[in-house]
Amino acid sequence: MTEDRHTDEELSEVEEVAQQPSQNPEGSSEELPDDDGVETGASAPSSTTEQDELTLAQIALAERTNDLQRLQAEFVNYKRRVERDRDLIRENATYAALAPITEVLDTIDRAREHGDLDAGFQTVADQLERVVAGLGLIKFGAPGEPFDPTIHEALSHIGEDPEVEVTTCKVVAKAGYRIGSRVVRAAQVLVVDPPSGPTA
């Protein structure tokens, strides 16, 4: 009977201990932080670093884009200069080659005016005029044109003409020639002026 009593008391003590709430090793009932809190705190610095790297990459890309745009603009300007210089060289070469021929063309014009061109020479003259025109030598100057000092050379004023309102080319002594907008030789002309006083 005595042993049974002791056994019952021991079982009661074991049950009381089992019913007490579990404690952490330090005797505190506070819960340990879960793993999620640790992971969240560690990911914040990593996200900031990635954002900084992205910003630096965007800045570098913008700088490279500006460099490429500047190089492209410089290349376009260089190409334009080369084309302009090439055109100028071509025009100067054409000018140097055709300027002396204007005297030959003057001789042909005088011979044509006096009827001194026979059939054979007429063909040669016409062909020469077509060739120089194809190379860009343009003939200008005709009676009745308003006088323009940039393209006409007035050899003389031969009076007034009531039929004109401005100074006008009356006679063309020598035709003018130009290549593009460049005057090779001004047309040599005789001009008339409009009446200086009232007309009847």
C-alpha atoms as a PDB file:
ATOM      1  CA  MET A   1       0.000   0.000   0.000  1.00  0.00           C
ATOM      2  CA  THR A   2       2.798   2.388   0.795  1.00  0.00           C
ATOM      3  CA  GLU A   3       4.484   1.778  -2.593  1.00  0.00           C
ATOM      4  CA  ASP A   4       1.236   2.414  -4.469  1.00  0.00           C
ATOM      5  CA  ARG A   5       0.816   5.747  -2.688  1.00  0.00           C
ATOM      6  CA  HIS A   6       4.302   6.836  -3.665  1.00  0.00           C
ATOM      7  CA  THR A   7       3.693   5.834  -7.286  1.00  0.00           C
ATOM      8  CA  ASP A   8       0.482   7.887  -7.441  1.00  0.00           C
ATOM      9  CA  GLU A   9       2.258  10.970  -6.086  1.00  0.00           C
ATOM     10  CA  GLU A  10       5.050  10.666  -8.680  1.00  0.00           C
ATOM     11  CA  LEU A  11       2.525  10.385 -11.542  1.00  0.00           C
ATOM     12  CA  SER A  12       0.744  13.501 -10.268  1.00  0.00           C
ATOM     13  CA  GLU A  13       4.001  15.502 -10.293  1.00  0.00           C
ATOM     14  CA  VAL A  14       4.782  14.368 -13.853  1.00  0.00           C
ATOM     15  CA  GLU A  15       1.326  15.470 -15.035  1.00  0.00           C
ATOM     16  CA  GLU A  16       1.729  18.915 -13.430  1.00  0.00           C
ATOM     17  CA  VAL A  17       5.078  19.430 -15.151  1.00  0.00           C
ATOM     18  CA  ALA A  18       3.607  18.366 -18.500  1.00  0.00           C
ATOM     19  CA  GLN A  19       0.759  20.845 -18.157  1.00  0.00           C
ATOM     20  CA  GLN A  20       3.099  23.863 -17.562  1.00  0.00           C
ATOM     21  CA  PRO A  21       3.756  26.080 -20.687  1.00  0.00           C
ATOM     22  CA  SER A  22       7.055  25.518 -22.450  1.00  0.00           C
ATOM     23  CA  GLN A  23       9.757  28.172 -21.941  1.00  0.00           C
ATOM     24  CA  ASN A  24      12.800  29.126 -23.943  1.00  0.00           C
ATOM     25  CA  PRO A  25      16.236  28.398 -22.539  1.00  0.00           C
ATOM     26  CA  GLU A  26      16.420  31.827 -20.915  1.00  0.00           C
ATOM     27  CA  GLY A  27      13.089  31.319 -19.134  1.00  0.00           C
ATOM     28  CA  SER A  28      11.235  33.863 -21.275  1.00  0.00           C
ATOM     29  CA  SER A  29       7.931  33.097 -22.946  1.00  0.00           C
ATOM     30  CA  GLU A  30       8.626  35.553 -25.876  1.00  0.00           C
ATOM     31  CA  GLU A  31       8.413  34.022 -29.318  1.00  0.00           C
ATOM     32  CA  LEU A  32      11.497  33.887 -31.491  1.00  0.00           C
ATOM     33  CA  PRO A  33      11.376  35.986 -34.659  1.00  0.00           C
ATOM     34  CA  ASP A  34      10.389  33.970 -37.661  1.00  0.00           C
ATOM     35  CA  ASP A  35      12.606  33.513 -40.679  1.00  0.00           C
ATOM     36  CA  ASP A  36      10.571  35.884 -42.827  1.00  0.00           C
ATOM     37  CA  GLY A  37      11.698  38.928 -40.830  1.00  0.00           C
ATOM     38  CA  VAL A  38      15.358  38.041 -41.345  1.00  0.00           C
ATOM     39  CA  GLU A  39      14.977  37.629 -45.134  1.00  0.00           C
ATOM     40  CA  THR A  40      13.117  40.954 -45.544  1.00  0.00           C
ATOM     41  CA  GLY A  41      15.806  42.890 -43.726  1.00  0.00           C
ATOM     42  CA  ALA A  42      18.574  41.339 -45.834  1.00  0.00           C
ATOM     43  CA  SER A  43      16.887  42.021 -49.213  1.00  0.00           C
ATOM     44  CA  ALA A  44      16.618  45.825 -48.762  1.00  0.00           C
ATOM     45  CA  PRO A  45      20.352  46.622 -49.287  1.00  0.00           C
ATOM     46  CA  SER A  46      20.457  44.294 -52.299  1.00  0.00           C
ATOM     47  CA  SER A  47      17.525  46.108 -53.957  1.00  0.00           C
ATOM     48  CA  THR A  48      19.207  49.503 -53.410  1.00  0.00           C
ATOM     49  CA  THR A  49      22.433  48.280 -54.999  1.00  0.00           C
ATOM     50  CA  GLU A  50      20.597  47.041 -58.085  1.00  0.00           C
ATOM     51  CA  GLN A  51      18.822  50.388 -58.436  1.00  0.00           C
ATOM     52  CA  ASP A  52      22.155  52.245 -58.275  1.00  0.00           C
ATOM     53  CA  GLU A  53      23.651  50.005 -60.931  1.00  0.00           C
ATOM     54  CA  LEU A  54      20.644  50.595 -63.196  1.00  0.00           C
ATOM     55  CA  THR A  55      20.967  54.375 -62.787  1.00  0.00           C
ATOM     56  CA  LEU A  56      24.669  54.268 -63.658  1.00  0.00           C
ATOM     57  CA  ALA A  57      23.937  52.152 -66.724  1.00  0.00           C
ATOM     58  CA  GLN A  58      21.288  54.628 -67.904  1.00  0.00           C
ATOM     59  CA  ILE A  59      23.699  57.548 -67.471  1.00  0.00           C
ATOM     60  CA  ALA A  60      26.413  55.709 -69.420  1.00  0.00           C
ATOM     61  CA  LEU A  61      23.924  54.905 -72.194  1.00  0.00           C
ATOM     62  CA  ALA A  62      22.857  58.549 -72.459  1.00  0.00           C
ATOM     63  CA  GLU A  63      26.502  59.667 -72.709  1.00  0.00           C
ATOM     64  CA  ARG A  64      27.252  57.138 -75.451  1.00  0.00           C
ATOM     65  CA  THR A  65      24.113  58.200 -77.338  1.00  0.00           C
ATOM     66  CA  ASN A  66      25.206  61.851 -77.210  1.00  0.00           C
ATOM     67  CA  ASP A  67      28.665  60.875 -78.453  1.00  0.00           C
ATOM     68  CA  LEU A  68      27.191  58.978 -81.398  1.00  0.00           C
ATOM     69  CA  GLN A  69      24.860  61.849 -82.286  1.00  0.00           C
ATOM     70  CA  ARG A  70      27.762  64.314 -82.211  1.00  0.00           C
ATOM     71  CA  LEU A  71      29.896  62.061 -84.418  1.00  0.00           C
ATOM     72  CA  GLN A  72      27.027  61.647 -86.864  1.00  0.00           C
ATOM     73  CA  ALA A  73      26.540  65.425 -87.085  1.00  0.00           C
ATOM     74  CA  GLU A  74      30.278  65.935 -87.658  1.00  0.00           C
ATOM     75  CA  PHE A  75      30.264  63.322 -90.406  1.00  0.00           C
ATOM     76  CA  VAL A  76      27.274  64.940 -92.149  1.00  0.00           C
ATOM     77  CA  ASN A  77      28.992  68.346 -92.039  1.00  0.00           C
ATOM     78  CA  TYR A  78      32.231  66.828 -93.355  1.00  0.00           C
ATOM     79  CA  LYS A  79      30.366  65.150 -96.216  1.00  0.00           C
ATOM     80  CA  ARG A  80      28.689  68.426 -97.138  1.00  0.00           C
ATOM     81  CA  ARG A  81      32.042  70.247 -97.153  1.00  0.00           C
ATOM     82  CA  VAL A  82      33.562  67.573 -99.385  1.00  0.00           C
ATOM     83  CA  GLU A  83      30.662  67.788-101.843  1.00  0.00           C
ATOM     84  CA  ARG A  84      30.804  71.596-101.842  1.00  0.00           C
ATOM     85  CA  ASP A  85      34.564  71.579-102.437  1.00  0.00           C
ATOM     86  CA  ARG A  86      34.164  69.007-105.225  1.00  0.00           C
ATOM     87  CA  ASP A  87      31.550  71.175-106.941  1.00  0.00           C
ATOM     88  CA  LEU A  88      33.780  74.240-106.594  1.00  0.00           C
ATOM     89  CA  ILE A  89      36.766  72.395-108.084  1.00  0.00           C
ATOM     90  CA  ARG A  90      34.637  71.193-110.991  1.00  0.00           C
ATOM     91  CA  GLU A  91      33.266  74.702-111.575  1.00  0.00           C
ATOM     92  CA  ASN A  92      36.753  76.253-111.484  1.00  0.00           C
ATOM     93  CA  ALA A  93      38.067  73.676-113.938  1.00  0.00           C
ATOM     94  CA  THR A  94      35.132  74.289-116.286  1.00  0.00           C
ATOM     95  CA  TYR A  95      35.645  78.042-115.994  1.00  0.00           C
ATOM     96  CA  ALA A  96      39.341  77.782-116.803  1.00  0.00           C
ATOM     97  CA  ALA A  97      38.650  75.581-119.824  1.00  0.00           C
ATOM     98  CA  LEU A  98      35.719  77.516-121.285  1.00  0.00           C
ATOM     99  CA  ALA A  99      36.650  81.138-120.581  1.00  0.00           C
ATOM    100  CA  PRO A 100      39.093  81.358-123.540  1.00  0.00           C
ATOM    101  CA  ILE A 101      36.499  79.824-125.873  1.00  0.00           C
ATOM    102  CA  THR A 102      34.243  82.862-125.447  1.00  0.00           C
ATOM    103  CA  GLU A 103      36.508  84.742-127.890  1.00  0.00           C
ATOM    104  CA  VAL A 104      36.014  81.986-130.459  1.00  0.00           C
ATOM    105  CA  LEU A 105      32.263  82.188-129.921  1.00  0.00           C
ATOM    106  CA  ASP A 106      32.448  85.965-130.470  1.00  0.00           C
ATOM    107  CA  THR A 107      34.126  85.369-133.837  1.00  0.00           C
ATOM    108  CA  ILE A 108      31.412  82.903-134.802  1.00  0.00           C
ATOM    109  CA  ASP A 109      28.711  85.414-133.839  1.00  0.00           C
ATOM    110  CA  ARG A 110      30.295  88.175-135.978  1.00  0.00           C
ATOM    111  CA  ALA A 111      30.704  85.837-138.925  1.00  0.00           C
ATOM    112  CA  ARG A 112      27.091  84.724-138.593  1.00  0.00           C
ATOM    113  CA  GLU A 113      25.890  88.349-138.512  1.00  0.00           C
ATOM    114  CA  HIS A 114      27.752  89.131-141.739  1.00  0.00           C
ATOM    115  CA  GLY A 115      26.744  85.918-143.455  1.00  0.00           C
ATOM    116  CA  ASP A 116      30.306  84.660-143.715  1.00  0.00           C
ATOM    117  CA  LEU A 117      29.560  81.124-142.488  1.00  0.00           C
ATOM    118  CA  ASP A 118      29.437  78.563-145.254  1.00  0.00           C
ATOM    119  CA  ALA A 119      27.543  75.316-144.787  1.00  0.00           C
ATOM    120  CA  GLY A 120      30.511  73.290-143.553  1.00  0.00           C
ATOM    121  CA  PHE A 121      31.723  75.870-141.046  1.00  0.00           C
ATOM    122  CA  GLN A 122      28.164  76.492-139.912  1.00  0.00           C
ATOM    123  CA  THR A 123      27.905  72.852-138.894  1.00  0.00           C
ATOM    124  CA  VAL A 124      31.143  73.074-136.901  1.00  0.00           C
ATOM    125  CA  ALA A 125      30.030  76.298-135.217  1.00  0.00           C
ATOM    126  CA  ASP A 126      26.681  74.815-134.232  1.00  0.00           C
ATOM    127  CA  GLN A 127      28.379  71.727-132.818  1.00  0.00           C
ATOM    128  CA  LEU A 128      30.850  73.797-130.795  1.00  0.00           C
ATOM    129  CA  GLU A 129      28.027  75.863-129.315  1.00  0.00           C
ATOM    130  CA  ARG A 130      26.146  72.696-128.322  1.00  0.00           C
ATOM    131  CA  VAL A 131      29.241  71.225-126.672  1.00  0.00           C
ATOM    132  CA  VAL A 132      30.034  74.281-124.534  1.00  0.00           C
ATOM    133  CA  ALA A 133      26.365  74.632-123.595  1.00  0.00           C
ATOM    134  CA  GLY A 134      26.394  70.995-122.467  1.00  0.00           C
ATOM    135  CA  LEU A 135      29.389  71.779-120.252  1.00  0.00           C
ATOM    136  CA  GLY A 136      27.396  74.533-118.543  1.00  0.00           C
ATOM    137  CA  LEU A 137      28.438  77.654-120.463  1.00  0.00           C
ATOM    138  CA  ILE A 138      25.268  79.714-120.817  1.00  0.00           C
ATOM    139  CA  LYS A 139      24.985  82.629-123.237  1.00  0.00           C
ATOM    140  CA  PHE A 140      23.003  85.709-122.218  1.00  0.00           C
ATOM    141  CA  GLY A 141      22.420  89.291-123.288  1.00  0.00           C
ATOM    142  CA  ALA A 142      19.821  90.457-125.765  1.00  0.00           C
ATOM    143  CA  PRO A 143      18.474  93.831-126.908  1.00  0.00           C
ATOM    144  CA  GLY A 144      15.577  94.991-124.783  1.00  0.00           C
ATOM    145  CA  GLU A 145      16.844  93.540-121.496  1.00  0.00           C
ATOM    146  CA  PRO A 146      16.793  95.897-118.475  1.00  0.00           C
ATOM    147  CA  PHE A 147      20.351  96.937-117.720  1.00  0.00           C
ATOM    148  CA  ASP A 148      21.831  95.004-114.787  1.00  0.00           C
ATOM    149  CA  PRO A 149      25.328  96.108-113.754  1.00  0.00           C
ATOM    150  CA  THR A 150      26.049  92.688-112.270  1.00  0.00           C
ATOM    151  CA  ILE A 151      25.805  90.994-115.672  1.00  0.00           C
ATOM    152  CA  HIS A 152      26.034  93.858-118.170  1.00  0.00           C
ATOM    153  CA  GLU A 153      28.902  96.170-119.028  1.00  0.00           C
ATOM    154  CA  ALA A 154      27.668  99.464-120.442  1.00  0.00           C
ATOM    155  CA  LEU A 155      30.061 100.613-123.163  1.00  0.00           C
ATOM    156  CA  SER A 156      28.057 103.760-123.847  1.00  0.00           C
ATOM    157  CA  HIS A 157      24.772 105.585-123.303  1.00  0.00           C
ATOM    158  CA  ILE A 158      23.215 106.404-126.658  1.00  0.00           C
ATOM    159  CA  GLY A 159      20.506 108.754-125.530  1.00  0.00           C
ATOM    160  CA  GLU A 160      16.950 108.462-124.325  1.00  0.00           C
ATOM    161  CA  ASP A 161      14.137 106.284-125.551  1.00  0.00           C
ATOM    162  CA  PRO A 162      10.491 107.110-124.779  1.00  0.00           C
ATOM    163  CA  GLU A 163       9.587 103.474-125.162  1.00  0.00           C
ATOM    164  CA  VAL A 164      11.561 102.357-122.075  1.00  0.00           C
ATOM    165  CA  GLU A 165      10.859 102.990-118.410  1.00  0.00           C
ATOM    166  CA  VAL A 166      14.278 101.961-117.073  1.00  0.00           C
ATOM    167  CA  THR A 167      17.799 101.960-118.467  1.00  0.00           C
ATOM    168  CA  THR A 168      17.710  99.274-121.149  1.00  0.00           C
ATOM    169  CA  CYS A 169      20.170  97.380-123.319  1.00  0.00           C
ATOM    170  CA  LYS A 170      19.675  98.710-126.859  1.00  0.00           C
ATOM    171  CA  VAL A 171      22.579  97.080-128.673  1.00  0.00           C
ATOM    172  CA  VAL A 172      24.606  94.031-127.665  1.00  0.00           C
ATOM    173  CA  ALA A 173      28.214  94.379-128.786  1.00  0.00           C
ATOM    174  CA  LYS A 174      29.315  91.098-127.230  1.00  0.00           C
ATOM    175  CA  ALA A 175      27.171  88.443-125.616  1.00  0.00           C
ATOM    176  CA  GLY A 176      27.775  87.522-122.003  1.00  0.00           C
ATOM    177  CA  TYR A 177      28.494  84.047-120.655  1.00  0.00           C
ATOM    178  CA  ARG A 178      28.034  82.418-117.285  1.00  0.00           C
ATOM    179  CA  ILE A 179      28.557  79.043-115.652  1.00  0.00           C
ATOM    180  CA  GLY A 180      25.810  78.446-113.162  1.00  0.00           C
ATOM    181  CA  SER A 181      25.490  81.711-111.256  1.00  0.00           C
ATOM    182  CA  ARG A 182      29.118  82.678-111.934  1.00  0.00           C
ATOM    183  CA  VAL A 183      29.605  85.270-114.660  1.00  0.00           C
ATOM    184  CA  VAL A 184      32.435  84.336-117.023  1.00  0.00           C
ATOM    185  CA  ARG A 185      32.104  87.554-118.947  1.00  0.00           C
ATOM    186  CA  ALA A 186      29.588  90.360-118.682  1.00  0.00           C
ATOM    187  CA  ALA A 187      27.592  91.205-121.769  1.00  0.00           C
ATOM    188  CA  GLN A 188      28.957  94.367-123.409  1.00  0.00           C
ATOM    189  CA  VAL A 189      26.059  96.608-124.350  1.00  0.00           C
ATOM    190  CA  LEU A 190      24.977 100.055-125.459  1.00  0.00           C
ATOM    191  CA  VAL A 191      22.132 101.384-123.345  1.00  0.00           C
ATOM    192  CA  VAL A 192      19.340 103.922-123.558  1.00  0.00           C
ATOM    193  CA  ASP A 193      17.685 105.779-120.708  1.00  0.00           C
ATOM    194  CA  PRO A 194      14.023 106.636-120.160  1.00  0.00           C
ATOM    195  CA  PRO A 195      13.034 110.254-120.862  1.00  0.00           C
ATOM    196  CA  SER A 196      14.245 112.594-118.140  1.00  0.00           C
ATOM    197  CA  GLY A 197      11.439 115.147-118.669  1.00  0.00           C
ATOM    198  CA  PRO A 198       7.700 115.010-119.308  1.00  0.00           C
ATOM    199  CA  THR A 199       6.666 113.413-122.556  1.00  0.00           C
ATOM    200  CA  ALA A 200       4.048 114.788-124.885  1.00  0.00           C
END
